[in-house]
Amino acid sequence: MSRPFIQLLTIVVVTVVTTLTGPAQGDHTAITFDFTRQWGGHGGTGVFGWQFSPASNIQVTRIGLYDYPNFPGAGFIGDGFAEPHAVGIWDVSAPSTLLFSTTIPSGGTAPLVSGFRYVNVSPLELNGGRLYVIGALHEYIPDIQADGVVGEFNNPAFAVTLGTDLTFLGRRSIASDSGALVFPDSYEPGALSDFGPNFTYTVVPEPAALSLIMAGGMIFSAFTKARRRGRGLFYEGLF
């Protein structure tokens, strides 16, 4: 087997495996918008969030919340939360059951990335084609301007970008004085609002892609052994 052919085959195998594994390894952000602009926000006591659907299976890796200015006219984006916030994810088909929840601490403890403060979580897999809701609890604190959420309300230029494989479906909210993280049952399809909670995720490779990755790895491994032992590729018993 000629050396140029060996080099070419090596390049092809490495390229195929890298291409197949690349999308599954990188983190995507669920929602992004122009965080450098101080949008007019709103809030209250209750759970605020939004509904979405992934096109394929994904794994949630971090949960975030938009760090809206605490004191309009004096605060600034990223100045820390006035209160801790519980954040949850629900499957719309089973609203009474929380799939997952975590708490983002008050202040500026959680790392700030593009206007959102994130906490790491154990990977949570969400299935492609299903309907999910992410919502954050906002509680009333006397004499303190509560943390808010943003959207198209009073912001005509507001626009949001969804991450790979995600479809935005609408606003979700519920007014509540109970201080409990409950399913936000008020739904406004298509309304670009109540953007506070956020998450990062990876796309889970499809079974066919996993098979190709494994096959590529086996070919590369066998080919490497053949080169070390000075034998032909077919002699390694691949065929």
Protein backbone atom coordinates (compact mmCIF):
# COMPACT_ATOMS: atom_id res chain seq x y z
CA MET A 1 0.00 0.00 0.00
CA SER A 2 1.58 3.32 -1.09
CA ARG A 3 2.49 5.97 1.45
CA PRO A 4 0.36 8.69 -0.28
CA PHE A 5 -2.69 6.42 -0.11
CA ILE A 6 -2.02 5.72 3.58
CA GLN A 7 -1.81 9.43 4.31
CA LEU A 8 -5.01 10.13 2.36
CA LEU A 9 -6.93 7.39 4.16
CA THR A 10 -5.77 8.72 7.52
CA ILE A 11 -7.01 12.20 6.66
CA VAL A 12 -10.39 10.87 5.47
CA VAL A 13 -11.02 8.79 8.60
CA VAL A 14 -10.01 11.56 11.00
CA THR A 15 -12.17 14.09 9.11
CA VAL A 16 -15.25 11.83 9.17
CA VAL A 17 -14.96 11.09 12.89
CA THR A 18 -14.32 14.75 13.77
CA THR A 19 -17.28 15.91 11.67
CA LEU A 20 -19.66 13.43 13.27
CA THR A 21 -18.61 14.10 16.84
CA GLY A 22 -18.29 17.87 16.59
CA PRO A 23 -21.95 18.95 16.96
CA ALA A 24 -22.53 16.70 19.97
CA GLN A 25 -19.55 18.09 21.91
CA GLY A 26 -20.16 21.84 21.75
CA ASP A 27 -22.52 23.63 24.11
CA HIS A 28 -25.33 25.67 22.55
CA THR A 29 -27.23 28.50 24.24
CA ALA A 30 -31.02 28.18 24.17
CA ILE A 31 -31.82 31.89 23.73
CA THR A 32 -29.72 34.94 22.92
CA PHE A 33 -30.63 38.58 22.43
CA ASP A 34 -28.88 41.95 22.52
CA PHE A 35 -27.90 42.00 26.18
CA THR A 36 -25.93 45.24 25.76
CA ARG A 37 -29.21 47.15 25.48
CA GLN A 38 -31.16 47.89 28.64
CA TRP A 39 -34.61 46.76 27.55
CA GLY A 40 -37.70 47.78 29.43
CA GLY A 41 -38.65 44.84 31.61
CA HIS A 42 -41.53 43.71 33.74
CA GLY A 43 -42.04 41.36 36.64
CA GLY A 44 -44.18 40.54 39.61
CA THR A 45 -44.67 37.65 42.00
CA GLY A 46 -44.95 34.32 40.26
CA VAL A 47 -43.26 32.02 37.75
CA PHE A 48 -42.20 33.41 34.38
CA GLY A 49 -40.71 31.60 31.41
CA TRP A 50 -41.32 30.18 27.96
CA GLN A 51 -42.28 27.04 26.06
CA PHE A 52 -40.10 25.27 23.52
CA SER A 53 -39.56 22.02 21.65
CA PRO A 54 -36.26 20.39 20.65
CA ALA A 55 -36.09 18.83 17.19
CA SER A 56 -33.86 16.03 18.47
CA ASN A 57 -32.71 14.76 21.85
CA ILE A 58 -30.65 17.27 23.82
CA GLN A 59 -28.87 17.32 27.17
CA VAL A 60 -29.20 20.41 29.35
CA THR A 61 -25.80 21.27 30.88
CA ARG A 62 -26.31 24.62 32.64
CA ILE A 63 -29.27 26.68 33.84
CA GLY A 64 -29.18 30.46 33.59
CA LEU A 65 -31.21 33.55 34.40
CA TYR A 66 -31.08 37.03 32.87
CA ASP A 67 -29.53 39.46 35.33
CA TYR A 68 -31.92 42.36 34.79
CA PRO A 69 -30.96 45.68 36.44
CA ASN A 70 -32.30 45.69 40.00
CA PHE A 71 -32.90 49.40 40.21
CA PRO A 72 -34.14 51.05 36.99
CA GLY A 73 -32.19 54.23 36.34
CA ALA A 74 -29.45 53.27 38.79
CA GLY A 75 -28.69 49.58 38.30
CA PHE A 76 -27.08 47.90 35.33
CA ILE A 77 -27.18 44.57 33.52
CA GLY A 78 -25.22 42.02 35.51
CA ASP A 79 -25.34 43.87 38.84
CA GLY A 80 -26.47 40.74 40.67
CA PHE A 81 -29.83 39.33 41.73
CA ALA A 82 -31.91 40.87 44.50
CA GLU A 83 -33.11 37.40 45.49
CA PRO A 84 -32.33 33.72 44.84
CA HIS A 85 -34.39 32.19 42.03
CA ALA A 86 -35.64 28.63 41.72
CA VAL A 87 -35.73 27.52 38.07
CA GLY A 88 -37.57 24.46 36.79
CA ILE A 89 -38.28 22.51 33.62
CA TRP A 90 -41.58 20.72 32.95
CA ASP A 91 -42.91 18.39 30.28
CA VAL A 92 -46.17 19.98 29.10
CA SER A 93 -47.84 16.57 29.05
CA ALA A 94 -47.24 16.19 32.82
CA PRO A 95 -47.42 19.73 34.27
CA SER A 96 -47.81 18.61 37.88
CA THR A 97 -44.39 16.94 37.86
CA LEU A 98 -41.14 18.90 37.81
CA LEU A 99 -38.59 17.20 35.60
CA PHE A 100 -35.81 19.24 37.12
CA SER A 101 -35.17 22.21 39.38
CA THR A 102 -32.23 24.18 40.72
CA THR A 103 -31.60 27.50 42.43
CA ILE A 104 -29.56 30.41 41.17
CA PRO A 105 -28.17 32.33 44.17
CA SER A 106 -28.75 35.99 44.90
CA GLY A 107 -26.06 38.56 44.23
CA GLY A 108 -23.32 37.99 41.69
CA THR A 109 -22.07 34.56 42.77
CA ALA A 110 -23.07 32.66 39.62
CA PRO A 111 -20.82 33.36 36.58
CA LEU A 112 -22.12 36.03 34.19
CA VAL A 113 -22.16 35.18 30.46
CA SER A 114 -23.78 37.52 27.93
CA GLY A 115 -26.17 38.98 30.47
CA PHE A 116 -27.14 35.64 32.07
CA ARG A 117 -25.85 34.08 35.28
CA TYR A 118 -25.44 30.30 35.06
CA VAL A 119 -25.08 27.35 37.41
CA ASN A 120 -23.84 23.91 36.37
CA VAL A 121 -26.28 21.02 36.65
CA SER A 122 -26.20 17.26 36.17
CA PRO A 123 -27.05 16.57 32.50
CA LEU A 124 -30.79 16.41 31.89
CA GLU A 125 -31.95 14.77 28.66
CA LEU A 126 -34.97 16.19 26.85
CA ASN A 127 -36.58 14.23 24.02
CA GLY A 128 -36.94 15.57 20.51
CA GLY A 129 -40.48 16.46 19.45
CA ARG A 130 -41.85 16.90 22.97
CA LEU A 131 -43.09 20.17 24.49
CA TYR A 132 -41.24 21.65 27.45
CA VAL A 133 -41.45 24.74 29.63
CA ILE A 134 -38.66 26.47 31.53
CA GLY A 135 -39.72 28.90 34.25
CA ALA A 136 -38.15 30.91 37.07
CA LEU A 137 -39.72 31.85 40.40
CA HIS A 138 -39.82 35.56 41.28
CA GLU A 139 -40.83 36.45 44.81
CA TYR A 140 -41.91 39.73 46.36
CA ILE A 141 -39.32 41.36 48.61
CA PRO A 142 -40.52 44.45 50.52
CA ASP A 143 -38.64 47.68 49.72
CA ILE A 144 -36.52 45.99 47.05
CA GLN A 145 -37.03 46.27 43.30
CA ALA A 146 -37.58 42.68 42.21
CA ASP A 147 -35.57 41.09 39.40
CA GLY A 148 -37.41 41.31 36.09
CA VAL A 149 -37.82 39.58 32.75
CA VAL A 150 -37.71 41.06 29.24
CA GLY A 151 -39.41 40.62 25.89
CA GLU A 152 -41.25 42.43 23.13
CA PHE A 153 -43.66 44.18 25.54
CA ASN A 154 -42.84 47.92 25.22
CA ASN A 155 -39.75 46.89 23.21
CA PRO A 156 -40.67 46.98 19.47
CA ALA A 157 -37.10 46.22 18.38
CA PHE A 158 -36.68 43.21 20.66
CA ALA A 159 -35.56 40.05 18.86
CA VAL A 160 -34.45 36.67 20.15
CA THR A 161 -32.36 33.93 18.52
CA LEU A 162 -32.97 30.27 19.33
CA GLY A 163 -30.23 27.70 19.61
CA THR A 164 -29.66 24.82 17.20
CA ASP A 165 -32.51 22.27 17.12
CA LEU A 166 -34.84 24.39 19.30
CA THR A 167 -38.22 25.89 18.40
CA PHE A 168 -39.70 28.69 20.51
CA LEU A 169 -43.44 28.32 21.05
CA GLY A 170 -44.62 31.07 23.39
CA ARG A 171 -44.73 32.82 26.73
CA ARG A 172 -45.55 31.02 29.99
CA SER A 173 -46.46 32.60 33.33
CA ILE A 174 -48.48 32.28 36.50
CA ALA A 175 -49.09 34.85 39.24
CA SER A 176 -48.52 33.31 42.64
CA ASP A 177 -47.94 34.55 46.18
CA SER A 178 -47.20 31.07 47.51
CA GLY A 179 -43.46 31.24 46.94
CA ALA A 180 -43.61 27.84 45.23
CA LEU A 181 -42.11 26.83 41.90
CA VAL A 182 -45.32 25.77 40.14
CA PHE A 183 -46.12 25.11 36.50
CA PRO A 184 -46.83 28.39 34.67
CA ASP A 185 -50.19 27.47 33.17
CA SER A 186 -50.93 30.76 31.39
CA TYR A 187 -49.81 30.30 27.78
CA GLU A 188 -49.55 32.90 25.02
CA PRO A 189 -48.49 31.16 21.78
CA GLY A 190 -45.88 33.08 19.83
CA ALA A 191 -45.51 35.89 22.39
CA LEU A 192 -41.84 36.89 22.66
CA SER A 193 -41.89 37.64 26.35
CA ASP A 194 -40.88 36.55 29.85
CA PHE A 195 -37.30 35.83 28.84
CA GLY A 196 -35.48 35.37 32.10
CA PRO A 197 -34.62 31.67 32.43
CA ASN A 198 -32.17 30.19 29.96
CA PHE A 199 -30.03 27.08 29.53
CA THR A 200 -27.11 25.63 27.63
CA TYR A 201 -27.19 22.18 26.06
CA THR A 202 -25.57 19.66 23.76
CA VAL A 203 -27.29 17.80 20.93
CA VAL A 204 -27.36 14.03 21.50
CA PRO A 205 -26.06 12.15 18.42
CA GLU A 206 -28.61 10.05 16.55
CA PRO A 207 -28.08 6.23 16.66
CA ALA A 208 -26.95 6.21 13.02
CA ALA A 209 -24.35 8.86 13.73
CA LEU A 210 -23.12 6.91 16.76
CA SER A 211 -22.72 3.80 14.60
CA LEU A 212 -20.69 5.75 12.05
CA ILE A 213 -18.53 7.21 14.80
CA MET A 214 -17.84 3.73 16.17
CA ALA A 215 -17.12 2.37 12.69
CA GLY A 216 -14.77 5.24 11.96
CA GLY A 217 -12.97 4.64 15.24
CA MET A 218 -12.61 0.91 14.52
CA ILE A 219 -11.24 1.57 11.05
CA PHE A 220 -8.78 4.11 12.33
CA SER A 221 -7.66 1.82 15.17
CA ALA A 222 -7.18 -1.18 12.89
CA PHE A 223 -5.41 0.94 10.29
CA THR A 224 -3.02 2.30 12.93
CA LYS A 225 -2.18 -1.25 14.06
CA ALA A 226 -1.56 -2.28 10.46
CA ARG A 227 0.86 0.59 9.95
CA ARG A 228 2.76 -0.28 13.15
CA ARG A 229 3.09 -3.94 12.20
CA GLY A 230 3.94 -3.30 8.57
CA ARG A 231 0.96 -5.29 7.29
CA GLY A 232 -1.69 -4.41 4.72
CA LEU A 233 -5.05 -3.09 5.81
CA PHE A 234 -6.87 -6.16 4.52
CA TYR A 235 -4.51 -8.43 6.42
CA GLU A 236 -5.85 -7.03 9.69
CA GLY A 237 -9.03 -9.02 9.09
CA LEU A 238 -11.40 -6.17 8.28
CA PHE A 239 -12.72 -7.98 5.23
